[in-house]
Amino acid sequence: MGQLNVQDNRERWAEEAYAVLVDVARTYHAVITYKELAEEIQERSGIRTQVLLHNWIGPVLGRVVREAHRRGDPPLTALVVHTDDGMVGLGYKEVLETAGQPPVDGVEERERHAAEARLTCYRHFGATLPAGGGIAALAPKYQAAIERRRGHTEAPPRVCASCFVELPVTGVCDSCG
């Protein structure tokens, strides 16, 4: 495949990705995985590749980021998440760069930004929203991972209401009786 064909393919895939992501945005709290998106855009375009997903999807989504910004649409790529953890990819930083926004610090902040961007997408592209306009939500798989981690954290130790010393197993304060 020559260089021109690679660029032409990426352009065609980006067009299809845009259309797929607009469809996803029409369903409140919907997301799509990189793998699902890749399969759908290859199916719709009729252009297949044997190249590993992570070697070609980034430039395609970069085109989507820039086109959404050019059109004044919200960042549709916030709807694309990893299969294993439900998080947006590191390439999400391009959304911020293109919009002239400062980078976010850390995974949690990036995911919260993406959740807000997804809500903007749902509103912009006409998803049926609950009363009040809906809420920003982390991708379901990522939210489930957070909940699992919270479930594994131990409850804080019980303390005496009078002297605030940690109570022994008996529940009776050794100091206050």
C-alpha atoms as a PDB file:
ATOM      1  CA  MET A   1       0.000   0.000   0.000  1.00  0.00           C
ATOM      2  CA  GLY A   2       1.547   3.307  -1.072  1.00  0.00           C
ATOM      3  CA  GLN A   3       1.712   6.469   1.041  1.00  0.00           C
ATOM      4  CA  LEU A   4      -1.139   8.081  -0.924  1.00  0.00           C
ATOM      5  CA  ASN A   5      -3.379   5.074  -0.300  1.00  0.00           C
ATOM      6  CA  VAL A   6      -2.621   5.160   3.430  1.00  0.00           C
ATOM      7  CA  GLN A   7      -3.638   8.825   3.593  1.00  0.00           C
ATOM      8  CA  ASP A   8      -6.735   8.209   1.461  1.00  0.00           C
ATOM      9  CA  ASN A   9      -7.720   5.260   3.656  1.00  0.00           C
ATOM     10  CA  ARG A  10      -7.278   7.262   6.848  1.00  0.00           C
ATOM     11  CA  GLU A  11      -9.388  10.067   5.412  1.00  0.00           C
ATOM     12  CA  ARG A  12     -12.164   7.650   4.417  1.00  0.00           C
ATOM     13  CA  TRP A  13     -12.002   5.895   7.801  1.00  0.00           C
ATOM     14  CA  ALA A  14     -12.179   9.269   9.566  1.00  0.00           C
ATOM     15  CA  GLU A  15     -15.346  10.147   7.641  1.00  0.00           C
ATOM     16  CA  GLU A  16     -16.914   6.851   8.653  1.00  0.00           C
ATOM     17  CA  ALA A  17     -15.694   7.202  12.243  1.00  0.00           C
ATOM     18  CA  TYR A  18     -17.351  10.613  12.464  1.00  0.00           C
ATOM     19  CA  ALA A  19     -20.664   9.161  11.301  1.00  0.00           C
ATOM     20  CA  VAL A  20     -20.402   6.183  13.671  1.00  0.00           C
ATOM     21  CA  LEU A  21     -19.599   8.432  16.625  1.00  0.00           C
ATOM     22  CA  VAL A  22     -22.528  10.740  15.857  1.00  0.00           C
ATOM     23  CA  ASP A  23     -24.743   7.624  15.944  1.00  0.00           C
ATOM     24  CA  VAL A  24     -23.244   6.610  19.306  1.00  0.00           C
ATOM     25  CA  ALA A  25     -23.791  10.139  20.650  1.00  0.00           C
ATOM     26  CA  ARG A  26     -27.512   9.813  19.974  1.00  0.00           C
ATOM     27  CA  THR A  27     -27.836   7.306  22.844  1.00  0.00           C
ATOM     28  CA  TYR A  28     -27.464   8.677  26.361  1.00  0.00           C
ATOM     29  CA  HIS A  29     -24.431   7.238  28.201  1.00  0.00           C
ATOM     30  CA  ALA A  30     -23.401   5.148  25.182  1.00  0.00           C
ATOM     31  CA  VAL A  31     -19.742   4.530  24.418  1.00  0.00           C
ATOM     32  CA  ILE A  32     -17.934   2.442  21.813  1.00  0.00           C
ATOM     33  CA  THR A  33     -14.656   0.575  22.121  1.00  0.00           C
ATOM     34  CA  TYR A  34     -11.710   1.231  19.842  1.00  0.00           C
ATOM     35  CA  LYS A  35     -12.073  -2.321  18.549  1.00  0.00           C
ATOM     36  CA  GLU A  36     -15.793  -1.925  17.815  1.00  0.00           C
ATOM     37  CA  LEU A  37     -15.192   1.406  16.108  1.00  0.00           C
ATOM     38  CA  ALA A  38     -12.356  -0.007  13.997  1.00  0.00           C
ATOM     39  CA  GLU A  39     -14.486  -2.912  12.859  1.00  0.00           C
ATOM     40  CA  GLU A  40     -17.443  -0.672  12.044  1.00  0.00           C
ATOM     41  CA  ILE A  41     -15.459   1.856  10.027  1.00  0.00           C
ATOM     42  CA  GLN A  42     -13.720  -0.879   8.039  1.00  0.00           C
ATOM     43  CA  GLU A  43     -17.091  -2.521   7.386  1.00  0.00           C
ATOM     44  CA  ARG A  44     -18.763   0.732   6.303  1.00  0.00           C
ATOM     45  CA  SER A  45     -15.863   1.892   4.135  1.00  0.00           C
ATOM     46  CA  GLY A  46     -15.111  -1.482   2.591  1.00  0.00           C
ATOM     47  CA  ILE A  47     -11.432  -0.779   3.290  1.00  0.00           C
ATOM     48  CA  ARG A  48      -9.787  -3.396   5.487  1.00  0.00           C
ATOM     49  CA  THR A  49      -6.348  -3.512   7.015  1.00  0.00           C
ATOM     50  CA  GLN A  50      -4.210  -6.162   8.658  1.00  0.00           C
ATOM     51  CA  VAL A  51      -2.231  -3.470  10.471  1.00  0.00           C
ATOM     52  CA  LEU A  52      -2.597  -3.651  14.259  1.00  0.00           C
ATOM     53  CA  LEU A  53      -5.314  -1.359  15.578  1.00  0.00           C
ATOM     54  CA  HIS A  54      -3.039   0.766  17.745  1.00  0.00           C
ATOM     55  CA  ASN A  55      -0.877   1.526  14.696  1.00  0.00           C
ATOM     56  CA  TRP A  56      -3.640   3.211  12.669  1.00  0.00           C
ATOM     57  CA  ILE A  57      -6.599   4.277  14.819  1.00  0.00           C
ATOM     58  CA  GLY A  58      -4.803   7.248  16.427  1.00  0.00           C
ATOM     59  CA  PRO A  59      -4.269   9.215  13.199  1.00  0.00           C
ATOM     60  CA  VAL A  60      -7.858   8.453  12.167  1.00  0.00           C
ATOM     61  CA  LEU A  61      -9.257   9.740  15.469  1.00  0.00           C
ATOM     62  CA  GLY A  62      -6.949  12.758  15.245  1.00  0.00           C
ATOM     63  CA  ARG A  63      -8.737  13.676  12.033  1.00  0.00           C
ATOM     64  CA  VAL A  64     -12.083  13.274  13.826  1.00  0.00           C
ATOM     65  CA  VAL A  65     -10.894  15.561  16.647  1.00  0.00           C
ATOM     66  CA  ARG A  66      -9.870  18.285  14.203  1.00  0.00           C
ATOM     67  CA  GLU A  67     -13.033  17.956  12.101  1.00  0.00           C
ATOM     68  CA  ALA A  68     -15.310  18.151  15.164  1.00  0.00           C
ATOM     69  CA  HIS A  69     -13.454  21.265  16.291  1.00  0.00           C
ATOM     70  CA  ARG A  70     -13.717  22.794  12.799  1.00  0.00           C
ATOM     71  CA  ARG A  71     -17.486  22.147  12.719  1.00  0.00           C
ATOM     72  CA  GLY A  72     -18.032  23.432  16.240  1.00  0.00           C
ATOM     73  CA  ASP A  73     -19.169  19.986  17.387  1.00  0.00           C
ATOM     74  CA  PRO A  74     -18.209  18.583  20.772  1.00  0.00           C
ATOM     75  CA  PRO A  75     -15.277  16.133  20.912  1.00  0.00           C
ATOM     76  CA  LEU A  76     -16.798  12.906  19.625  1.00  0.00           C
ATOM     77  CA  THR A  77     -13.656  10.923  20.399  1.00  0.00           C
ATOM     78  CA  ALA A  78     -14.603  11.113  24.106  1.00  0.00           C
ATOM     79  CA  LEU A  79     -17.077   8.341  23.235  1.00  0.00           C
ATOM     80  CA  VAL A  80     -14.277   5.906  22.325  1.00  0.00           C
ATOM     81  CA  VAL A  81     -12.929   3.776  25.181  1.00  0.00           C
ATOM     82  CA  HIS A  82     -10.608   0.825  25.708  1.00  0.00           C
ATOM     83  CA  THR A  83     -12.235  -2.607  25.865  1.00  0.00           C
ATOM     84  CA  ASP A  84     -10.337  -3.720  28.957  1.00  0.00           C
ATOM     85  CA  ASP A  85     -10.720  -0.733  31.284  1.00  0.00           C
ATOM     86  CA  GLY A  86     -13.378   1.539  29.749  1.00  0.00           C
ATOM     87  CA  MET A  87     -11.074   4.572  29.675  1.00  0.00           C
ATOM     88  CA  VAL A  88     -10.304   6.980  26.855  1.00  0.00           C
ATOM     89  CA  GLY A  89      -6.840   6.595  25.403  1.00  0.00           C
ATOM     90  CA  LEU A  90      -3.777   8.735  25.887  1.00  0.00           C
ATOM     91  CA  GLY A  91      -4.569  10.339  22.533  1.00  0.00           C
ATOM     92  CA  TYR A  92      -7.445  12.128  24.253  1.00  0.00           C
ATOM     93  CA  LYS A  93      -4.922  14.875  24.981  1.00  0.00           C
ATOM     94  CA  GLU A  94      -5.355  15.917  21.333  1.00  0.00           C
ATOM     95  CA  VAL A  95      -8.920  16.989  22.168  1.00  0.00           C
ATOM     96  CA  LEU A  96      -7.561  19.440  24.714  1.00  0.00           C
ATOM     97  CA  GLU A  97      -4.712  20.629  22.494  1.00  0.00           C
ATOM     98  CA  THR A  98      -7.024  21.235  19.529  1.00  0.00           C
ATOM     99  CA  ALA A  99      -9.437  23.198  21.710  1.00  0.00           C
ATOM    100  CA  GLY A 100      -6.564  25.262  23.133  1.00  0.00           C
ATOM    101  CA  GLN A 101      -7.178  23.926  26.640  1.00  0.00           C
ATOM    102  CA  PRO A 102      -4.441  23.091  29.138  1.00  0.00           C
ATOM    103  CA  PRO A 103      -3.540  19.427  29.614  1.00  0.00           C
ATOM    104  CA  VAL A 104      -5.192  17.539  32.455  1.00  0.00           C
ATOM    105  CA  ASP A 105      -3.239  16.029  35.301  1.00  0.00           C
ATOM    106  CA  GLY A 106      -3.735  12.335  35.862  1.00  0.00           C
ATOM    107  CA  VAL A 107      -6.047   9.592  34.746  1.00  0.00           C
ATOM    108  CA  GLU A 108      -8.969  10.541  36.987  1.00  0.00           C
ATOM    109  CA  GLU A 109      -9.055  14.130  35.728  1.00  0.00           C
ATOM    110  CA  ARG A 110      -8.794  12.958  32.103  1.00  0.00           C
ATOM    111  CA  GLU A 111     -11.690  10.553  32.611  1.00  0.00           C
ATOM    112  CA  ARG A 112     -13.830  13.229  34.282  1.00  0.00           C
ATOM    113  CA  HIS A 113     -13.114  15.619  31.393  1.00  0.00           C
ATOM    114  CA  ALA A 114     -14.083  12.913  28.901  1.00  0.00           C
ATOM    115  CA  ALA A 115     -17.306  12.222  30.857  1.00  0.00           C
ATOM    116  CA  GLU A 116     -18.276  15.896  30.609  1.00  0.00           C
ATOM    117  CA  ALA A 117     -17.405  15.875  26.897  1.00  0.00           C
ATOM    118  CA  ARG A 118     -19.602  12.799  26.375  1.00  0.00           C
ATOM    119  CA  LEU A 119     -22.543  14.531  28.057  1.00  0.00           C
ATOM    120  CA  THR A 120     -22.018  17.494  25.728  1.00  0.00           C
ATOM    121  CA  CYS A 121     -22.065  15.068  22.777  1.00  0.00           C
ATOM    122  CA  TYR A 122     -25.319  13.448  23.938  1.00  0.00           C
ATOM    123  CA  ARG A 123     -26.958  16.853  24.308  1.00  0.00           C
ATOM    124  CA  HIS A 124     -25.609  18.198  21.011  1.00  0.00           C
ATOM    125  CA  PHE A 125     -26.558  15.207  18.882  1.00  0.00           C
ATOM    126  CA  GLY A 126     -30.058  14.741  20.294  1.00  0.00           C
ATOM    127  CA  ALA A 127     -29.877  11.788  22.663  1.00  0.00           C
ATOM    128  CA  THR A 128     -33.016  11.310  24.731  1.00  0.00           C
ATOM    129  CA  LEU A 129     -31.973  12.686  28.098  1.00  0.00           C
ATOM    130  CA  PRO A 130     -33.580  12.261  31.510  1.00  0.00           C
ATOM    131  CA  ALA A 131     -35.312  15.164  33.211  1.00  0.00           C
ATOM    132  CA  GLY A 132     -32.814  17.844  34.122  1.00  0.00           C
ATOM    133  CA  GLY A 133     -30.639  17.208  31.074  1.00  0.00           C
ATOM    134  CA  GLY A 134     -28.684  14.204  32.288  1.00  0.00           C
ATOM    135  CA  ILE A 135     -25.411  13.879  34.124  1.00  0.00           C
ATOM    136  CA  ALA A 136     -21.833  13.286  33.099  1.00  0.00           C
ATOM    137  CA  ALA A 137     -20.859   9.688  33.734  1.00  0.00           C
ATOM    138  CA  LEU A 138     -17.665   7.742  33.562  1.00  0.00           C
ATOM    139  CA  ALA A 139     -17.662   4.916  31.044  1.00  0.00           C
ATOM    140  CA  PRO A 140     -19.457   1.928  32.625  1.00  0.00           C
ATOM    141  CA  LYS A 141     -16.411  -0.353  32.754  1.00  0.00           C
ATOM    142  CA  TYR A 142     -14.235   2.337  34.343  1.00  0.00           C
ATOM    143  CA  GLN A 143     -16.973   3.198  36.862  1.00  0.00           C
ATOM    144  CA  ALA A 144     -17.299  -0.492  37.765  1.00  0.00           C
ATOM    145  CA  ALA A 145     -13.534  -0.702  38.355  1.00  0.00           C
ATOM    146  CA  ILE A 146     -13.727   2.294  40.702  1.00  0.00           C
ATOM    147  CA  GLU A 147     -16.613   0.700  42.577  1.00  0.00           C
ATOM    148  CA  ARG A 148     -14.668  -2.565  42.916  1.00  0.00           C
ATOM    149  CA  ARG A 149     -11.676  -0.690  44.327  1.00  0.00           C
ATOM    150  CA  ARG A 150     -13.914   1.131  46.787  1.00  0.00           C
ATOM    151  CA  GLY A 151     -15.392  -2.194  47.879  1.00  0.00           C
ATOM    152  CA  HIS A 152     -11.911  -3.511  48.631  1.00  0.00           C
ATOM    153  CA  THR A 153     -10.939  -0.639  50.865  1.00  0.00           C
ATOM    154  CA  GLU A 154     -11.283  -1.336  54.525  1.00  0.00           C
ATOM    155  CA  ALA A 155     -13.656   0.659  56.683  1.00  0.00           C
ATOM    156  CA  PRO A 156     -11.880   3.247  58.817  1.00  0.00           C
ATOM    157  CA  PRO A 157     -11.144   2.060  62.345  1.00  0.00           C
ATOM    158  CA  ARG A 158     -13.726   2.864  65.006  1.00  0.00           C
ATOM    159  CA  VAL A 159     -12.644   5.508  67.494  1.00  0.00           C
ATOM    160  CA  CYS A 160     -13.777   6.490  70.961  1.00  0.00           C
ATOM    161  CA  ALA A 161     -16.265   9.366  70.851  1.00  0.00           C
ATOM    162  CA  SER A 162     -14.678  10.917  73.962  1.00  0.00           C
ATOM    163  CA  CYS A 163     -10.898  10.686  73.441  1.00  0.00           C
ATOM    164  CA  PHE A 164     -10.733   9.757  69.739  1.00  0.00           C
ATOM    165  CA  VAL A 165      -8.385   6.817  70.332  1.00  0.00           C
ATOM    166  CA  GLU A 166      -8.838   3.760  68.125  1.00  0.00           C
ATOM    167  CA  LEU A 167     -11.100   1.255  69.867  1.00  0.00           C
ATOM    168  CA  PRO A 168      -9.947  -2.307  70.510  1.00  0.00           C
ATOM    169  CA  VAL A 169     -11.893  -5.240  69.080  1.00  0.00           C
ATOM    170  CA  THR A 170     -14.142  -5.238  72.158  1.00  0.00           C
ATOM    171  CA  GLY A 171     -15.459  -1.819  71.200  1.00  0.00           C
ATOM    172  CA  VAL A 172     -14.819  -0.507  74.730  1.00  0.00           C
ATOM    173  CA  CYS A 173     -12.233   2.260  75.067  1.00  0.00           C
ATOM    174  CA  ASP A 174      -9.269   1.204  77.219  1.00  0.00           C
ATOM    175  CA  SER A 175      -8.755   4.828  78.306  1.00  0.00           C
ATOM    176  CA  CYS A 176     -12.326   5.908  79.016  1.00  0.00           C
ATOM    177  CA  GLY A 177     -13.760   2.542  80.079  1.00  0.00           C
END
